[in-house]
Amino acid sequence: MKQNKDSVVFLIDCHKSMHDKNPHNGEGHPSNLEQVLKACLSFMKTKIITSDNDKIGIVLYGCRDANNALSFPNVNVMQKLDSPDAAAIKGLERKIATFSQDFGHARDGT
């Protein structure tokens, strides 16, 4: 029996407006960016349990610094495409807490 394997890459907008608190997000008013990162985290946790052969990657655009193989400005490969594991989940949990300070957003016009 052939086993199917999924590869999912989250492409996340990190422009300034995504960092702002959003009153439509409910209690505590987290930013849209925080909501998206928490959704990525939830997805990773689900994949570890249901399909540990699948791969997940996270790419940010509109962030302050660049970190990618092609040197595209304001694009950061936060997590390379790989199978989710406990270390990746813990790493993402830590990054969510300090995301705005660590990755920031691009200046207007970029």
C-alpha atoms as a PDB file:
ATOM      1  CA  MET A   1       0.000   0.000   0.000  1.00  0.00           C
ATOM      2  CA  LYS A   2       1.423   3.359  -1.023  1.00  0.00           C
ATOM      3  CA  GLN A   3       1.591   5.951   1.737  1.00  0.00           C
ATOM      4  CA  ASN A   4       0.685   9.520   0.780  1.00  0.00           C
ATOM      5  CA  LYS A   5       2.896  12.319   1.982  1.00  0.00           C
ATOM      6  CA  ASP A   6       1.909  15.978   2.187  1.00  0.00           C
ATOM      7  CA  SER A   7       4.224  18.961   2.074  1.00  0.00           C
ATOM      8  CA  VAL A   8       2.786  22.231   3.372  1.00  0.00           C
ATOM      9  CA  VAL A   9       4.528  25.591   3.290  1.00  0.00           C
ATOM     10  CA  PHE A  10       2.978  28.442   5.254  1.00  0.00           C
ATOM     11  CA  LEU A  11       3.684  31.783   3.571  1.00  0.00           C
ATOM     12  CA  ILE A  12       3.073  34.445   6.203  1.00  0.00           C
ATOM     13  CA  ASP A  13       2.681  38.183   5.653  1.00  0.00           C
ATOM     14  CA  CYS A  14       4.709  40.092   8.265  1.00  0.00           C
ATOM     15  CA  HIS A  15       3.977  43.667   7.202  1.00  0.00           C
ATOM     16  CA  LYS A  16       3.268  46.190   9.953  1.00  0.00           C
ATOM     17  CA  SER A  17      -0.519  45.844   9.844  1.00  0.00           C
ATOM     18  CA  MET A  18      -0.228  42.136  10.696  1.00  0.00           C
ATOM     19  CA  HIS A  19       1.599  43.004  13.967  1.00  0.00           C
ATOM     20  CA  ASP A  20      -1.170  45.324  15.217  1.00  0.00           C
ATOM     21  CA  LYS A  21      -3.699  44.062  17.753  1.00  0.00           C
ATOM     22  CA  ASN A  22      -7.032  43.221  16.154  1.00  0.00           C
ATOM     23  CA  PRO A  23     -10.227  43.726  18.217  1.00  0.00           C
ATOM     24  CA  HIS A  24     -12.011  41.222  15.957  1.00  0.00           C
ATOM     25  CA  ASN A  25      -9.762  38.423  17.268  1.00  0.00           C
ATOM     26  CA  GLY A  26     -11.614  38.189  20.566  1.00  0.00           C
ATOM     27  CA  GLU A  27     -10.379  38.208  24.141  1.00  0.00           C
ATOM     28  CA  GLY A  28      -6.970  39.749  24.622  1.00  0.00           C
ATOM     29  CA  HIS A  29      -7.033  41.069  21.033  1.00  0.00           C
ATOM     30  CA  PRO A  30      -4.016  39.191  19.646  1.00  0.00           C
ATOM     31  CA  SER A  31      -2.571  40.386  16.365  1.00  0.00           C
ATOM     32  CA  ASN A  32      -3.454  38.678  13.110  1.00  0.00           C
ATOM     33  CA  LEU A  33       0.142  37.507  12.947  1.00  0.00           C
ATOM     34  CA  GLU A  34      -0.105  35.848  16.353  1.00  0.00           C
ATOM     35  CA  GLN A  35      -3.336  34.134  15.261  1.00  0.00           C
ATOM     36  CA  VAL A  36      -1.647  32.805  12.101  1.00  0.00           C
ATOM     37  CA  LEU A  37       1.396  31.548  14.013  1.00  0.00           C
ATOM     38  CA  LYS A  38      -0.834  29.787  16.542  1.00  0.00           C
ATOM     39  CA  ALA A  39      -2.713  28.158  13.648  1.00  0.00           C
ATOM     40  CA  CYS A  40       0.640  26.932  12.255  1.00  0.00           C
ATOM     41  CA  LEU A  41       1.506  25.562  15.686  1.00  0.00           C
ATOM     42  CA  SER A  42      -1.825  23.754  15.955  1.00  0.00           C
ATOM     43  CA  PHE A  43      -1.387  22.325  12.452  1.00  0.00           C
ATOM     44  CA  MET A  44       2.097  21.044  13.343  1.00  0.00           C
ATOM     45  CA  LYS A  45       0.810  19.363  16.503  1.00  0.00           C
ATOM     46  CA  THR A  46      -1.966  17.686  14.536  1.00  0.00           C
ATOM     47  CA  LYS A  47       0.431  16.473  11.846  1.00  0.00           C
ATOM     48  CA  ILE A  48       2.777  14.932  14.420  1.00  0.00           C
ATOM     49  CA  ILE A  49      -0.087  12.797  15.684  1.00  0.00           C
ATOM     50  CA  THR A  50      -1.840  11.974  12.412  1.00  0.00           C
ATOM     51  CA  SER A  51       0.862  11.952   9.722  1.00  0.00           C
ATOM     52  CA  ASP A  52       4.398  12.147  11.030  1.00  0.00           C
ATOM     53  CA  ASN A  53       5.829  11.618   7.511  1.00  0.00           C
ATOM     54  CA  ASP A  54       4.386  14.894   6.221  1.00  0.00           C
ATOM     55  CA  LYS A  55       6.592  17.954   5.908  1.00  0.00           C
ATOM     56  CA  ILE A  56       5.929  21.541   7.009  1.00  0.00           C
ATOM     57  CA  GLY A  57       7.801  24.745   6.231  1.00  0.00           C
ATOM     58  CA  ILE A  58       7.283  28.361   7.294  1.00  0.00           C
ATOM     59  CA  VAL A  59       8.333  31.282   5.095  1.00  0.00           C
ATOM     60  CA  LEU A  60       7.871  34.904   6.148  1.00  0.00           C
ATOM     61  CA  TYR A  61       7.653  37.858   3.785  1.00  0.00           C
ATOM     62  CA  GLY A  62       7.559  41.531   4.614  1.00  0.00           C
ATOM     63  CA  CYS A  63       9.814  41.026   7.631  1.00  0.00           C
ATOM     64  CA  ARG A  64      12.734  43.233   8.639  1.00  0.00           C
ATOM     65  CA  ASP A  65      15.616  40.934   7.672  1.00  0.00           C
ATOM     66  CA  ALA A  66      16.249  38.425   4.923  1.00  0.00           C
ATOM     67  CA  ASN A  67      17.268  34.811   5.463  1.00  0.00           C
ATOM     68  CA  ASN A  68      16.846  32.769   2.289  1.00  0.00           C
ATOM     69  CA  ALA A  69      19.038  30.971  -0.237  1.00  0.00           C
ATOM     70  CA  LEU A  70      18.245  33.411  -3.070  1.00  0.00           C
ATOM     71  CA  SER A  71      18.812  36.592  -1.024  1.00  0.00           C
ATOM     72  CA  PHE A  72      15.335  37.964  -1.683  1.00  0.00           C
ATOM     73  CA  PRO A  73      14.867  41.098   0.444  1.00  0.00           C
ATOM     74  CA  ASN A  74      12.505  40.862   3.426  1.00  0.00           C
ATOM     75  CA  VAL A  75      11.960  37.096   2.975  1.00  0.00           C
ATOM     76  CA  ASN A  76      12.890  34.830   5.870  1.00  0.00           C
ATOM     77  CA  VAL A  77      12.758  31.033   5.869  1.00  0.00           C
ATOM     78  CA  MET A  78      11.716  30.574   9.476  1.00  0.00           C
ATOM     79  CA  GLN A  79      11.486  26.790   9.193  1.00  0.00           C
ATOM     80  CA  LYS A  80      12.802  24.711   6.316  1.00  0.00           C
ATOM     81  CA  LEU A  81      10.501  22.090   4.831  1.00  0.00           C
ATOM     82  CA  ASP A  82      10.846  19.140   7.196  1.00  0.00           C
ATOM     83  CA  SER A  83       8.842  16.646   9.236  1.00  0.00           C
ATOM     84  CA  PRO A  84       7.443  18.223  12.396  1.00  0.00           C
ATOM     85  CA  ASP A  85       8.909  17.073  15.690  1.00  0.00           C
ATOM     86  CA  ALA A  86       8.855  18.122  19.336  1.00  0.00           C
ATOM     87  CA  ALA A  87      11.873  20.413  18.889  1.00  0.00           C
ATOM     88  CA  ALA A  88      10.205  22.261  15.990  1.00  0.00           C
ATOM     89  CA  ILE A  89       7.027  22.722  18.023  1.00  0.00           C
ATOM     90  CA  LYS A  90       8.906  24.039  21.058  1.00  0.00           C
ATOM     91  CA  GLY A  91      10.949  26.332  18.807  1.00  0.00           C
ATOM     92  CA  LEU A  92       7.823  27.790  17.220  1.00  0.00           C
ATOM     93  CA  GLU A  93       6.220  28.284  20.648  1.00  0.00           C
ATOM     94  CA  ARG A  94       9.288  30.282  21.756  1.00  0.00           C
ATOM     95  CA  LYS A  95       9.325  32.318  18.537  1.00  0.00           C
ATOM     96  CA  ILE A  96       5.657  33.271  18.875  1.00  0.00           C
ATOM     97  CA  ALA A  97       6.389  34.970  22.206  1.00  0.00           C
ATOM     98  CA  THR A  98       9.167  37.171  20.774  1.00  0.00           C
ATOM     99  CA  PHE A  99       8.170  37.240  17.111  1.00  0.00           C
ATOM    100  CA  SER A 100       7.828  40.986  16.595  1.00  0.00           C
ATOM    101  CA  GLN A 101      11.190  41.687  18.237  1.00  0.00           C
ATOM    102  CA  ASP A 102      12.994  38.874  16.388  1.00  0.00           C
ATOM    103  CA  PHE A 103      11.565  39.285  12.879  1.00  0.00           C
ATOM    104  CA  GLY A 104       9.927  42.709  12.857  1.00  0.00           C
ATOM    105  CA  HIS A 105       8.453  44.131   9.660  1.00  0.00           C
ATOM    106  CA  ALA A 106       9.811  45.765   6.551  1.00  0.00           C
ATOM    107  CA  ARG A 107       9.837  49.519   6.297  1.00  0.00           C
ATOM    108  CA  ASP A 108       6.980  51.024   4.292  1.00  0.00           C
ATOM    109  CA  GLY A 109       7.391  50.699   0.548  1.00  0.00           C
ATOM    110  CA  THR A 110       9.101  47.263   0.585  1.00  0.00           C
END
